[in-house]
Amino acid sequence: MQPSFVIFSMIMVFACMMLLVLMAGPLAMVIKFAVRSCIGAGLIYACNMLLAPVGIYIGVNVLTACAVGFLGLPGLGTLMIVSHILGI
């Protein structure tokens, strides 16, 4: 092996490690948001199963799942109230 290749490899490994360290925070936030959105979609589905006979139904789609994932239970309550008021 040539010394220049070894030095280049060490610099690339260091750069990749630094990139991973710098991106760990934002990547963790994106993963946390995705998990919360999936849980939000499950909550919307569960509320639809329980509240459909009453007439409250929320469409399960990416926008509503992300809203519940971002806002949590207050977002779910707001979606239910808006759905009931608008009669959607």
C-alpha atoms as a PDB file:
ATOM      1  CA  MET A   1       0.000   0.000   0.000  1.00  0.00           C
ATOM      2  CA  GLN A   2       1.106   3.477  -0.723  1.00  0.00           C
ATOM      3  CA  PRO A   3       1.357   5.905   2.172  1.00  0.00           C
ATOM      4  CA  SER A   4      -0.820   8.453   0.375  1.00  0.00           C
ATOM      5  CA  PHE A   5      -3.658   5.903   0.113  1.00  0.00           C
ATOM      6  CA  VAL A   6      -3.438   5.115   3.823  1.00  0.00           C
ATOM      7  CA  ILE A   7      -3.487   8.801   4.752  1.00  0.00           C
ATOM      8  CA  PHE A   8      -6.412   9.435   2.385  1.00  0.00           C
ATOM      9  CA  SER A   9      -8.318   6.497   3.881  1.00  0.00           C
ATOM     10  CA  MET A  10      -7.737   7.756   7.415  1.00  0.00           C
ATOM     11  CA  ILE A  11      -8.954  11.232   6.467  1.00  0.00           C
ATOM     12  CA  MET A  12     -12.088   9.789   4.823  1.00  0.00           C
ATOM     13  CA  VAL A  13     -12.888   7.617   7.846  1.00  0.00           C
ATOM     14  CA  PHE A  14     -12.444  10.642  10.122  1.00  0.00           C
ATOM     15  CA  ALA A  15     -14.676  12.785   7.872  1.00  0.00           C
ATOM     16  CA  CYS A  16     -17.385  10.100   7.837  1.00  0.00           C
ATOM     17  CA  MET A  17     -17.259   9.789  11.621  1.00  0.00           C
ATOM     18  CA  MET A  18     -17.539  13.570  12.027  1.00  0.00           C
ATOM     19  CA  LEU A  19     -20.485  13.642   9.634  1.00  0.00           C
ATOM     20  CA  LEU A  20     -22.251  10.939  11.632  1.00  0.00           C
ATOM     21  CA  VAL A  21     -21.637  12.798  14.892  1.00  0.00           C
ATOM     22  CA  LEU A  22     -22.937  16.071  13.437  1.00  0.00           C
ATOM     23  CA  MET A  23     -26.021  14.444  11.901  1.00  0.00           C
ATOM     24  CA  ALA A  24     -26.924  12.327  14.945  1.00  0.00           C
ATOM     25  CA  GLY A  25     -29.122  15.027  16.506  1.00  0.00           C
ATOM     26  CA  PRO A  26     -31.232  15.906  13.452  1.00  0.00           C
ATOM     27  CA  LEU A  27     -31.465  12.260  12.417  1.00  0.00           C
ATOM     28  CA  ALA A  28     -32.727  11.308  15.869  1.00  0.00           C
ATOM     29  CA  MET A  29     -35.385  14.025  15.641  1.00  0.00           C
ATOM     30  CA  VAL A  30     -36.543  12.784  12.232  1.00  0.00           C
ATOM     31  CA  ILE A  31     -36.771   9.196  13.473  1.00  0.00           C
ATOM     32  CA  LYS A  32     -38.639  10.307  16.606  1.00  0.00           C
ATOM     33  CA  PHE A  33     -41.115  12.292  14.475  1.00  0.00           C
ATOM     34  CA  ALA A  34     -41.663   9.320  12.154  1.00  0.00           C
ATOM     35  CA  VAL A  35     -42.350   7.002  15.091  1.00  0.00           C
ATOM     36  CA  ARG A  36     -44.729   9.514  16.664  1.00  0.00           C
ATOM     37  CA  SER A  37     -46.552   9.902  13.339  1.00  0.00           C
ATOM     38  CA  CYS A  38     -47.005   6.129  13.081  1.00  0.00           C
ATOM     39  CA  ILE A  39     -48.365   6.061  16.623  1.00  0.00           C
ATOM     40  CA  GLY A  40     -50.612   8.995  15.697  1.00  0.00           C
ATOM     41  CA  ALA A  41     -52.005   7.044  12.740  1.00  0.00           C
ATOM     42  CA  GLY A  42     -52.748   4.151  15.103  1.00  0.00           C
ATOM     43  CA  LEU A  43     -54.503   6.503  17.531  1.00  0.00           C
ATOM     44  CA  ILE A  44     -56.607   7.956  14.728  1.00  0.00           C
ATOM     45  CA  TYR A  45     -57.565   4.453  13.618  1.00  0.00           C
ATOM     46  CA  ALA A  46     -58.478   3.456  17.198  1.00  0.00           C
ATOM     47  CA  CYS A  47     -60.577   6.605  17.665  1.00  0.00           C
ATOM     48  CA  ASN A  48     -62.319   5.927  14.372  1.00  0.00           C
ATOM     49  CA  MET A  49     -63.230   2.433  15.538  1.00  0.00           C
ATOM     50  CA  LEU A  50     -64.593   3.741  18.844  1.00  0.00           C
ATOM     51  CA  LEU A  51     -66.253   6.976  17.714  1.00  0.00           C
ATOM     52  CA  ALA A  52     -67.595   6.070  14.248  1.00  0.00           C
ATOM     53  CA  PRO A  53     -71.025   5.109  15.674  1.00  0.00           C
ATOM     54  CA  VAL A  54     -71.257   8.595  17.237  1.00  0.00           C
ATOM     55  CA  GLY A  55     -70.492  10.225  13.900  1.00  0.00           C
ATOM     56  CA  ILE A  56     -66.951  11.396  14.526  1.00  0.00           C
ATOM     57  CA  TYR A  57     -64.576  10.113  11.876  1.00  0.00           C
ATOM     58  CA  ILE A  58     -61.107  11.351  10.958  1.00  0.00           C
ATOM     59  CA  GLY A  59     -59.509  10.305   7.688  1.00  0.00           C
ATOM     60  CA  VAL A  60     -56.249   8.439   8.187  1.00  0.00           C
ATOM     61  CA  ASN A  61     -53.686   9.997   5.861  1.00  0.00           C
ATOM     62  CA  VAL A  62     -50.176  11.391   6.028  1.00  0.00           C
ATOM     63  CA  LEU A  63     -51.276  14.920   6.923  1.00  0.00           C
ATOM     64  CA  THR A  64     -53.493  13.919   9.849  1.00  0.00           C
ATOM     65  CA  ALA A  65     -50.967  11.364  11.109  1.00  0.00           C
ATOM     66  CA  CYS A  66     -48.211  14.004  11.039  1.00  0.00           C
ATOM     67  CA  ALA A  67     -50.475  16.505  12.793  1.00  0.00           C
ATOM     68  CA  VAL A  68     -51.195  14.049  15.598  1.00  0.00           C
ATOM     69  CA  GLY A  69     -47.520  13.024  15.665  1.00  0.00           C
ATOM     70  CA  PHE A  70     -46.434  16.635  16.039  1.00  0.00           C
ATOM     71  CA  LEU A  71     -49.173  17.890  18.393  1.00  0.00           C
ATOM     72  CA  GLY A  72     -49.953  14.693  20.324  1.00  0.00           C
ATOM     73  CA  LEU A  73     -53.301  14.164  22.028  1.00  0.00           C
ATOM     74  CA  PRO A  74     -54.340  17.839  21.780  1.00  0.00           C
ATOM     75  CA  GLY A  75     -53.911  17.527  18.017  1.00  0.00           C
ATOM     76  CA  LEU A  76     -56.102  14.438  17.981  1.00  0.00           C
ATOM     77  CA  GLY A  77     -58.759  16.257  19.995  1.00  0.00           C
ATOM     78  CA  THR A  78     -58.609  19.240  17.677  1.00  0.00           C
ATOM     79  CA  LEU A  79     -59.003  17.031  14.619  1.00  0.00           C
ATOM     80  CA  MET A  80     -62.004  15.313  16.199  1.00  0.00           C
ATOM     81  CA  ILE A  81     -63.660  18.637  17.075  1.00  0.00           C
ATOM     82  CA  VAL A  82     -63.045  20.087  13.612  1.00  0.00           C
ATOM     83  CA  SER A  83     -64.328  16.898  11.983  1.00  0.00           C
ATOM     84  CA  HIS A  84     -67.482  16.980  14.110  1.00  0.00           C
ATOM     85  CA  ILE A  85     -68.128  20.703  13.510  1.00  0.00           C
ATOM     86  CA  LEU A  86     -67.579  20.522   9.758  1.00  0.00           C
ATOM     87  CA  GLY A  87     -69.423  17.243   9.426  1.00  0.00           C
ATOM     88  CA  ILE A  88     -66.702  15.758   7.249  1.00  0.00           C
END
